[in-house]
Amino acid sequence: MTSEFAISVEDVSKTYHIYRNPQDRIKEFFFRKTLFTEFHALQHINFNIGRGEVVGIIGRNGSGKSTLLQIVAGTLQPSAGYINTCGRIAALLELGSGFNTEFTGRENVYINGAVLGLSREEIDSSFADIEAFADIGEFIDRPVKIYSSGMYVRLAFAISVNVKADILIIDEALAVGDTAFSFKCLHRMEELLSNNTTILLVSHDIQLVKQLCQRIVYLKNSQMVYTGDCETGSELYLMDIRTDQQKAEHSWSIQVKPPLNDLNGFSFGNQLGHIINISMGSGECEKQHFQSGERVWLKVAARIDPSVRKPRLAMVIRDEKGYNLFGYDSEVLGKKSLHPDAEGRVDGMFLFTCRLQPGNYSVTMRLEDFQTESLNILLDKQINAICFKVLTDKKQFYGVVNLDGCFEFFSQ
């Protein structure tokens, strides 16, 4: 691979002609009349992906994610624009795509390997690894048409990650299969990253995208509306989902608000409530650095419109990649309702024990109007509203969170 980028997408569009009736195609040919309507699956998409980079593509169903992956993989041609890729591509798209269901799993391994440009000798040398990774036992020599969905994705993923590809394209494959296989997939993807493999991933699992990806491409209504850091991209996506939900129930729209943290914060909500201040500390001191195990308080002040029936506050602690580590709300602790004063102001305090590994963390705060178990009207969400650092003199535990584990020795 000599190019600076593994994938370059330049002004790519994909348009389909939709006919009301099949015979309209023939009528159009003879009568020279346009009888179709245009459906724009993608419109003017532009981005570059460097070698060894992991990029997530997110968006609602129908936004063009799978279409874009098929174009990058080369199984679909764009209507306009150009795709440039550098290196061998392994694509895991629709479940079992590329499999001949009449053939056995073993035969499909060789067919898929040949499609990817591998020689018979290369497939022979990789087959044992593919078979072990798929772990489907004797089904490897049975027709694929009798496979469960889990077996499909096991075999397809095993082929994709064992053919020494330069670019790996995955469309929601990690959502299928059991927990043990998901962990195996994640571990193998980490190995691929260490070998400088470029990964393009589509998933509705925002936490997974934050965990794996360095950057996000957000598609909305067939257009790219954002490309950049995972935290901002995922919050824009969640903001749009909230907007659609609240439009169905209320006239109040979700919009971007000024963040309390001007440096790396982001905020959105409606006009019925505002978080106006957040502070953090321990004991009598306001501060933003703590020892692991220290008791921490978070003071929050908000202003709420009188029409809000059941306000509640919620907090979430996130790591540097934006992964949710811990959170709770005022109602979980038995505070069934917050009572604003005469001016609509609410003041409260969250408390927690900071049993975290050394590192940098942030707090996201939400102000909501609790309607039902399935509907909370978002008044204000302050992402990365306050950042803090955890320090410690020595390593006390593994992982992220200290669960106060202990060990007892019983002599014989």
Protein backbone atom coordinates (compact mmCIF):
# COMPACT_ATOMS: atom_id res chain seq x y z
CA MET A 1 0.00 0.00 0.00
CA THR A 2 1.60 3.22 -1.18
CA SER A 3 -1.29 5.69 -1.04
CA GLU A 4 -1.61 8.11 1.86
CA PHE A 5 -5.21 6.96 2.37
CA ALA A 6 -6.62 3.45 2.51
CA ILE A 7 -10.05 4.71 1.38
CA SER A 8 -10.92 7.92 -0.47
CA VAL A 9 -14.57 8.77 -1.13
CA GLU A 10 -14.91 11.69 -3.54
CA ASP A 11 -18.33 13.30 -4.17
CA VAL A 12 -20.08 9.91 -4.26
CA SER A 13 -23.81 9.75 -5.02
CA LYS A 14 -26.13 6.82 -5.66
CA THR A 15 -29.50 7.32 -7.35
CA TYR A 16 -32.13 4.68 -8.11
CA HIS A 17 -34.94 4.96 -10.65
CA ILE A 18 -38.22 3.90 -9.06
CA TYR A 19 -41.00 2.75 -11.39
CA ARG A 20 -44.61 2.50 -10.24
CA ASN A 21 -45.24 -0.50 -12.53
CA PRO A 22 -42.73 -2.93 -14.14
CA GLN A 23 -44.20 -2.26 -17.61
CA ASP A 24 -43.33 1.43 -17.27
CA ARG A 25 -39.75 0.56 -18.21
CA ILE A 26 -40.93 -0.67 -21.62
CA LYS A 27 -43.29 2.28 -22.09
CA GLU A 28 -40.45 4.65 -21.32
CA PHE A 29 -38.27 3.07 -24.00
CA PHE A 30 -40.91 3.27 -26.74
CA PHE A 31 -42.58 6.57 -25.88
CA ARG A 32 -39.41 8.41 -24.82
CA LYS A 33 -41.13 9.67 -21.67
CA THR A 34 -39.75 9.74 -18.14
CA LEU A 35 -41.92 7.42 -16.05
CA PHE A 36 -39.73 7.00 -13.01
CA THR A 37 -39.07 8.95 -9.85
CA GLU A 38 -35.57 9.31 -8.46
CA PHE A 39 -34.55 7.99 -5.07
CA HIS A 40 -31.27 9.39 -3.78
CA ALA A 41 -29.67 6.74 -1.57
CA LEU A 42 -26.49 8.83 -1.22
CA GLN A 43 -25.74 12.45 -2.08
CA HIS A 44 -22.28 13.99 -2.44
CA ILE A 45 -20.36 11.99 0.17
CA ASN A 46 -16.73 13.00 0.78
CA PHE A 47 -14.21 11.63 3.29
CA ASN A 48 -10.79 9.98 3.52
CA ILE A 49 -9.68 7.17 5.83
CA GLY A 50 -6.01 6.72 6.66
CA ARG A 51 -4.24 3.39 6.82
CA GLY A 52 -4.79 1.64 10.14
CA GLU A 53 -7.69 3.94 11.07
CA VAL A 54 -11.00 2.65 12.50
CA VAL A 55 -14.00 4.67 11.35
CA GLY A 56 -17.61 4.11 12.36
CA ILE A 57 -20.58 4.96 10.15
CA ILE A 58 -23.78 5.74 12.04
CA GLY A 59 -27.27 6.90 11.10
CA ARG A 60 -30.92 5.93 11.13
CA ASN A 61 -32.24 3.04 9.03
CA GLY A 62 -32.44 4.17 5.42
CA SER A 63 -29.77 6.84 5.77
CA GLY A 64 -27.47 5.14 3.23
CA LYS A 65 -24.98 3.33 5.48
CA SER A 66 -25.16 -0.10 3.84
CA THR A 67 -25.24 1.44 0.36
CA LEU A 68 -22.03 3.30 1.13
CA LEU A 69 -20.32 0.14 2.41
CA GLN A 70 -21.32 -1.78 -0.71
CA ILE A 71 -19.85 0.95 -2.91
CA VAL A 72 -16.59 0.98 -0.93
CA ALA A 73 -16.46 -2.84 -1.09
CA GLY A 74 -16.95 -2.72 -4.86
CA THR A 75 -20.18 -4.73 -4.97
CA LEU A 76 -22.16 -1.65 -6.04
CA GLN A 77 -21.24 1.12 -8.47
CA PRO A 78 -21.89 4.79 -7.61
CA SER A 79 -24.06 6.92 -9.89
CA ALA A 80 -21.53 9.73 -9.56
CA GLY A 81 -18.21 10.32 -7.88
CA TYR A 82 -15.21 8.11 -7.24
CA ILE A 83 -14.02 5.53 -4.71
CA ASN A 84 -10.32 4.82 -4.37
CA THR A 85 -9.13 1.98 -2.15
CA CYS A 86 -5.61 0.75 -1.58
CA GLY A 87 -5.06 -2.91 -0.71
CA ARG A 88 -7.08 -6.11 -0.37
CA ILE A 89 -10.64 -5.63 0.93
CA ALA A 90 -12.56 -8.16 3.04
CA ALA A 91 -16.22 -7.23 3.47
CA LEU A 92 -18.76 -8.64 5.89
CA LEU A 93 -21.98 -7.09 4.63
CA GLU A 94 -25.43 -8.67 4.65
CA LEU A 95 -25.73 -11.90 6.62
CA GLY A 96 -24.19 -14.68 4.54
CA SER A 97 -23.73 -12.50 1.45
CA GLY A 98 -21.34 -14.20 -0.93
CA PHE A 99 -22.29 -17.67 0.34
CA ASN A 100 -23.77 -20.30 -1.96
CA THR A 101 -26.31 -21.96 0.33
CA GLU A 102 -26.13 -25.27 -1.56
CA PHE A 103 -22.41 -25.63 -0.85
CA THR A 104 -20.83 -26.63 2.43
CA GLY A 105 -19.08 -24.22 4.76
CA ARG A 106 -15.70 -25.62 3.64
CA GLU A 107 -16.54 -25.06 -0.02
CA ASN A 108 -17.71 -21.53 0.70
CA VAL A 109 -14.43 -20.76 2.46
CA TYR A 110 -12.56 -21.59 -0.74
CA ILE A 111 -15.04 -19.71 -2.94
CA ASN A 112 -14.86 -16.58 -0.80
CA GLY A 113 -11.10 -16.80 -0.58
CA ALA A 114 -10.83 -17.00 -4.37
CA VAL A 115 -13.13 -13.96 -4.72
CA LEU A 116 -10.76 -12.06 -2.41
CA GLY A 117 -7.86 -12.96 -4.70
CA LEU A 118 -6.26 -15.71 -2.60
CA SER A 119 -4.54 -18.65 -4.21
CA ARG A 120 -5.45 -22.23 -3.32
CA GLU A 121 -2.23 -22.50 -1.32
CA GLU A 122 -3.02 -19.33 0.66
CA ILE A 123 -6.49 -20.59 1.51
CA ASP A 124 -5.06 -23.98 2.52
CA SER A 125 -2.64 -22.29 4.91
CA SER A 126 -5.42 -20.18 6.47
CA PHE A 127 -8.16 -22.82 6.60
CA ALA A 128 -7.26 -24.22 10.02
CA ASP A 129 -7.40 -20.73 11.55
CA ILE A 130 -10.74 -20.01 9.84
CA GLU A 131 -12.23 -23.30 11.04
CA ALA A 132 -11.01 -22.77 14.61
CA PHE A 133 -12.28 -19.18 14.74
CA ALA A 134 -15.74 -20.07 13.35
CA ASP A 135 -15.99 -22.96 15.83
CA ILE A 136 -19.05 -24.54 14.17
CA GLY A 137 -17.78 -28.11 14.50
CA GLU A 138 -19.01 -30.68 12.00
CA PHE A 139 -21.24 -28.10 10.32
CA ILE A 140 -18.20 -26.90 8.38
CA ASP A 141 -18.86 -29.87 6.03
CA ARG A 142 -22.64 -29.40 5.84
CA PRO A 143 -24.64 -27.20 3.43
CA VAL A 144 -24.81 -23.57 4.48
CA LYS A 145 -28.59 -23.54 3.92
CA ILE A 146 -29.09 -25.41 7.21
CA TYR A 147 -26.97 -22.93 9.22
CA SER A 148 -28.47 -20.74 11.92
CA SER A 149 -27.91 -16.99 11.69
CA GLY A 150 -25.19 -17.32 14.32
CA MET A 151 -23.35 -19.95 12.25
CA TYR A 152 -23.58 -17.73 9.16
CA VAL A 153 -21.93 -14.80 10.85
CA ARG A 154 -19.34 -16.98 12.61
CA LEU A 155 -18.12 -18.42 9.33
CA ALA A 156 -18.35 -15.13 7.42
CA PHE A 157 -16.46 -13.24 10.12
CA ALA A 158 -13.86 -15.99 10.41
CA ILE A 159 -13.14 -15.73 6.68
CA SER A 160 -12.97 -11.93 6.74
CA VAL A 161 -10.49 -11.67 9.64
CA ASN A 162 -8.19 -14.51 8.56
CA VAL A 163 -7.42 -13.57 4.94
CA LYS A 164 -4.82 -10.90 5.74
CA ALA A 165 -6.87 -8.07 4.26
CA ASP A 166 -5.69 -4.46 4.30
CA ILE A 167 -9.25 -3.13 4.67
CA LEU A 168 -12.01 -4.80 6.68
CA ILE A 169 -15.61 -3.65 6.14
CA ILE A 170 -18.23 -4.75 8.69
CA ASP A 171 -21.98 -4.07 8.54
CA GLU A 172 -23.68 -4.85 11.88
CA ALA A 173 -22.05 -8.31 12.03
CA LEU A 174 -21.10 -7.98 15.69
CA ALA A 175 -24.78 -7.72 16.63
CA VAL A 176 -25.31 -11.38 15.72
CA GLY A 177 -23.97 -14.28 17.74
CA ASP A 178 -23.49 -15.10 21.39
CA THR A 179 -21.52 -13.12 23.95
CA ALA A 180 -18.46 -15.38 23.84
CA PHE A 181 -18.19 -14.99 20.07
CA SER A 182 -18.60 -11.20 20.33
CA PHE A 183 -15.64 -11.06 22.74
CA LYS A 184 -13.62 -13.21 20.34
CA CYS A 185 -14.44 -10.83 17.47
CA LEU A 186 -13.44 -7.77 19.48
CA HIS A 187 -10.15 -9.40 20.48
CA ARG A 188 -9.38 -10.28 16.85
CA MET A 189 -10.18 -6.73 15.74
CA GLU A 190 -7.66 -5.43 18.27
CA GLU A 191 -5.08 -7.77 16.73
CA LEU A 192 -5.92 -6.47 13.26
CA LEU A 193 -5.48 -2.89 14.45
CA SER A 194 -2.04 -3.72 15.78
CA ASN A 195 -1.22 -4.95 12.25
CA ASN A 196 -2.35 -1.61 10.73
CA THR A 197 -5.56 -2.97 9.21
CA THR A 198 -8.09 -0.30 8.23
CA ILE A 199 -11.60 -0.98 9.55
CA LEU A 200 -14.87 0.57 8.37
CA LEU A 201 -17.69 -0.33 10.76
CA VAL A 202 -21.46 0.23 10.63
CA SER A 203 -23.30 -0.28 13.90
CA HIS A 204 -26.31 1.02 15.83
CA ASP A 205 -24.43 0.23 19.05
CA ILE A 206 -23.10 3.69 19.91
CA GLN A 207 -21.07 2.41 22.86
CA LEU A 208 -19.35 -0.14 20.61
CA VAL A 209 -18.55 2.57 18.07
CA LYS A 210 -17.07 4.77 20.80
CA GLN A 211 -15.02 1.85 22.09
CA LEU A 212 -13.53 0.81 18.75
CA CYS A 213 -13.50 3.83 16.46
CA GLN A 214 -11.25 6.85 16.23
CA ARG A 215 -13.70 8.84 14.11
CA ILE A 216 -17.35 8.86 13.08
CA VAL A 217 -19.14 9.52 9.80
CA TYR A 218 -22.78 10.43 10.48
CA LEU A 219 -25.25 9.97 7.61
CA LYS A 220 -28.69 11.55 7.71
CA ASN A 221 -31.24 11.47 4.89
CA SER A 222 -28.61 10.16 2.46
CA GLN A 223 -26.19 12.99 3.22
CA MET A 224 -23.08 13.23 5.38
CA VAL A 225 -23.91 15.75 8.11
CA TYR A 226 -20.84 15.21 10.29
CA THR A 227 -17.42 13.62 10.31
CA GLY A 228 -15.13 13.93 13.29
CA ASP A 229 -14.71 12.76 16.88
CA CYS A 230 -16.96 9.97 18.15
CA GLU A 231 -18.34 11.92 21.11
CA THR A 232 -19.76 14.81 19.08
CA GLY A 233 -20.95 12.61 16.22
CA SER A 234 -22.81 10.19 18.45
CA GLU A 235 -24.45 13.01 20.41
CA LEU A 236 -25.65 14.66 17.20
CA TYR A 237 -27.15 11.32 16.22
CA LEU A 238 -28.86 10.93 19.61
CA MET A 239 -30.09 14.53 19.40
CA ASP A 240 -31.81 13.80 16.10
CA ILE A 241 -33.42 10.67 17.54
CA ARG A 242 -34.70 12.69 20.51
CA THR A 243 -36.04 15.34 18.13
CA ASP A 244 -38.06 12.80 16.17
CA GLN A 245 -39.41 11.22 19.35
CA GLN A 246 -40.52 14.51 20.85
CA LYS A 247 -42.06 15.79 17.62
CA ALA A 248 -44.47 12.88 17.74
CA GLU A 249 -45.66 13.85 21.24
CA HIS A 250 -45.01 17.57 21.66
CA SER A 251 -44.43 20.70 19.66
CA TRP A 252 -41.21 21.58 21.51
CA SER A 253 -38.22 20.95 19.27
CA ILE A 254 -34.72 19.87 20.26
CA GLN A 255 -31.99 22.35 19.40
CA VAL A 256 -28.32 22.94 20.13
CA LYS A 257 -27.70 25.06 23.24
CA PRO A 258 -24.68 26.93 24.60
CA PRO A 259 -22.58 24.44 26.61
CA LEU A 260 -21.49 25.16 30.18
CA ASN A 261 -18.05 23.84 29.26
CA ASP A 262 -16.95 25.97 26.30
CA LEU A 263 -13.75 23.97 25.82
CA ASN A 264 -14.99 20.48 24.92
CA GLY A 265 -18.65 20.49 25.93
CA PHE A 266 -21.76 20.09 23.80
CA SER A 267 -25.38 20.71 24.74
CA PHE A 268 -28.88 20.29 23.35
CA GLY A 269 -32.48 20.21 24.56
CA ASN A 270 -35.74 22.19 24.37
CA GLN A 271 -36.66 25.58 25.86
CA LEU A 272 -38.52 24.31 28.94
CA GLY A 273 -35.46 23.80 31.13
CA HIS A 274 -31.82 24.77 31.45
CA ILE A 275 -28.94 23.48 33.55
CA ILE A 276 -27.35 26.72 34.68
CA ASN A 277 -24.43 25.60 36.83
CA ILE A 278 -22.41 22.48 37.74
CA SER A 279 -19.59 22.30 40.27
CA MET A 280 -17.56 19.41 41.65
CA GLY A 281 -15.49 18.75 44.72
CA SER A 282 -14.82 16.75 47.86
CA GLY A 283 -15.38 17.70 51.49
CA GLU A 284 -15.31 21.47 51.77
CA CYS A 285 -13.19 22.02 48.65
CA GLU A 286 -14.28 22.55 45.07
CA LYS A 287 -11.79 20.77 42.82
CA GLN A 288 -11.47 18.55 39.75
CA HIS A 289 -8.76 16.05 40.77
CA PHE A 290 -9.37 13.20 43.21
CA GLN A 291 -7.70 10.20 44.75
CA SER A 292 -9.16 6.85 43.79
CA GLY A 293 -11.71 5.97 46.47
CA GLU A 294 -12.39 9.58 47.49
CA ARG A 295 -15.99 10.67 48.17
CA VAL A 296 -17.04 13.23 45.54
CA TRP A 297 -19.97 15.62 45.27
CA LEU A 298 -21.55 17.15 42.17
CA LYS A 299 -23.70 20.21 42.74
CA VAL A 300 -26.13 21.16 39.99
CA ALA A 301 -28.53 24.06 39.55
CA ALA A 302 -31.30 24.21 36.94
CA ARG A 303 -34.18 26.45 35.95
CA ILE A 304 -37.46 24.82 34.87
CA ASP A 305 -40.61 26.11 33.16
CA PRO A 306 -43.81 25.81 35.27
CA SER A 307 -45.36 23.53 32.60
CA VAL A 308 -42.82 20.76 33.38
CA ARG A 309 -44.77 18.19 35.37
CA LYS A 310 -42.12 15.84 36.73
CA PRO A 311 -38.55 17.11 36.44
CA ARG A 312 -35.60 14.88 37.24
CA LEU A 313 -31.83 15.13 37.01
CA ALA A 314 -29.43 12.41 35.86
CA MET A 315 -25.66 12.16 35.72
CA VAL A 316 -23.27 9.87 33.81
CA ILE A 317 -19.51 9.45 34.20
CA ARG A 318 -17.64 8.76 30.96
CA ASP A 319 -14.06 7.86 30.14
CA GLU A 320 -11.88 9.59 27.55
CA LYS A 321 -13.46 7.63 24.69
CA GLY A 322 -16.95 8.67 25.78
CA TYR A 323 -17.85 5.24 27.17
CA ASN A 324 -20.52 5.31 29.88
CA LEU A 325 -19.05 3.93 33.13
CA PHE A 326 -21.63 4.82 35.76
CA GLY A 327 -24.76 6.88 36.15
CA TYR A 328 -27.96 7.38 38.11
CA ASP A 329 -30.80 9.85 38.42
CA SER A 330 -32.67 11.59 41.21
CA GLU A 331 -35.65 9.23 40.91
CA VAL A 332 -33.56 6.06 41.32
CA LEU A 333 -32.66 7.25 44.80
CA GLY A 334 -36.30 7.72 45.79
CA LYS A 335 -36.60 11.43 45.01
CA LYS A 336 -39.81 10.99 43.05
CA SER A 337 -40.14 14.66 42.16
CA LEU A 338 -37.98 17.75 42.22
CA HIS A 339 -39.68 20.88 43.56
CA PRO A 340 -38.58 24.17 41.97
CA ASP A 341 -38.77 27.35 44.01
CA ALA A 342 -40.96 30.32 43.10
CA GLU A 343 -38.54 31.33 40.34
CA GLY A 344 -38.42 27.81 38.86
CA ARG A 345 -34.95 27.03 40.21
CA VAL A 346 -33.86 23.59 41.42
CA ASP A 347 -30.64 22.92 43.33
CA GLY A 348 -29.37 19.43 44.06
CA MET A 349 -26.29 17.36 44.75
CA PHE A 350 -25.10 13.97 43.51
CA LEU A 351 -22.66 11.98 45.65
CA PHE A 352 -20.50 9.03 44.64
CA THR A 353 -17.31 7.26 45.67
CA CYS A 354 -14.68 7.74 43.00
CA ARG A 355 -13.46 4.15 42.72
CA LEU A 356 -11.82 4.63 39.33
CA GLN A 357 -8.42 3.92 37.85
CA PRO A 358 -6.09 6.90 37.36
CA GLY A 359 -7.04 8.84 34.25
CA ASN A 360 -9.23 11.54 32.77
CA TYR A 361 -13.02 11.43 32.98
CA SER A 362 -16.01 13.66 32.31
CA VAL A 363 -19.54 14.16 33.63
CA THR A 364 -22.61 14.41 31.41
CA MET A 365 -25.74 15.85 33.06
CA ARG A 366 -29.35 15.54 31.89
CA LEU A 367 -32.48 17.46 32.89
CA GLU A 368 -35.68 15.66 31.87
CA ASP A 369 -39.44 15.79 32.22
CA PHE A 370 -40.40 12.24 33.14
CA GLN A 371 -43.62 11.34 31.31
CA THR A 372 -43.76 7.53 31.28
CA GLU A 373 -41.27 4.68 31.52
CA SER A 374 -40.86 4.83 27.74
CA LEU A 375 -40.95 8.62 27.27
CA ASN A 376 -38.76 11.26 28.89
CA ILE A 377 -38.87 14.76 27.45
CA LEU A 378 -35.30 16.03 27.25
CA LEU A 379 -35.03 19.58 28.58
CA ASP A 380 -31.24 19.94 28.64
CA LYS A 381 -28.29 17.62 28.14
CA GLN A 382 -24.83 18.94 28.96
CA ILE A 383 -22.21 16.59 27.49
CA ASN A 384 -18.73 16.78 29.07
CA ALA A 385 -20.10 19.51 31.32
CA ILE A 386 -17.19 19.09 33.71
CA CYS A 387 -13.94 17.12 33.40
CA PHE A 388 -11.92 15.63 36.22
CA LYS A 389 -8.79 13.59 36.85
CA VAL A 390 -8.31 10.59 39.14
CA LEU A 391 -4.92 10.07 40.82
CA THR A 392 -3.47 7.30 42.94
CA ASP A 393 -0.10 6.43 44.43
CA LYS A 394 -0.19 2.74 43.50
CA LYS A 395 -2.20 0.28 41.46
CA GLN A 396 -5.05 -1.07 43.58
CA PHE A 397 -7.10 -3.06 41.07
CA TYR A 398 -7.43 -4.05 37.41
CA GLY A 399 -10.01 -2.76 34.92
CA VAL A 400 -11.81 0.56 35.31
CA VAL A 401 -14.00 0.44 38.43
CA ASN A 402 -13.06 -0.75 41.93
CA LEU A 403 -15.75 -3.11 43.27
CA ASP A 404 -14.01 -3.48 46.64
CA GLY A 405 -12.84 -7.02 46.00
CA CYS A 406 -11.01 -8.99 48.64
CA PHE A 407 -9.12 -12.28 48.96
CA GLU A 408 -9.23 -14.73 51.84
CA PHE A 409 -6.68 -17.50 52.28
CA PHE A 410 -7.72 -20.82 53.75
CA SER A 411 -4.82 -23.00 54.88
CA GLN A 412 -5.07 -26.77 54.59
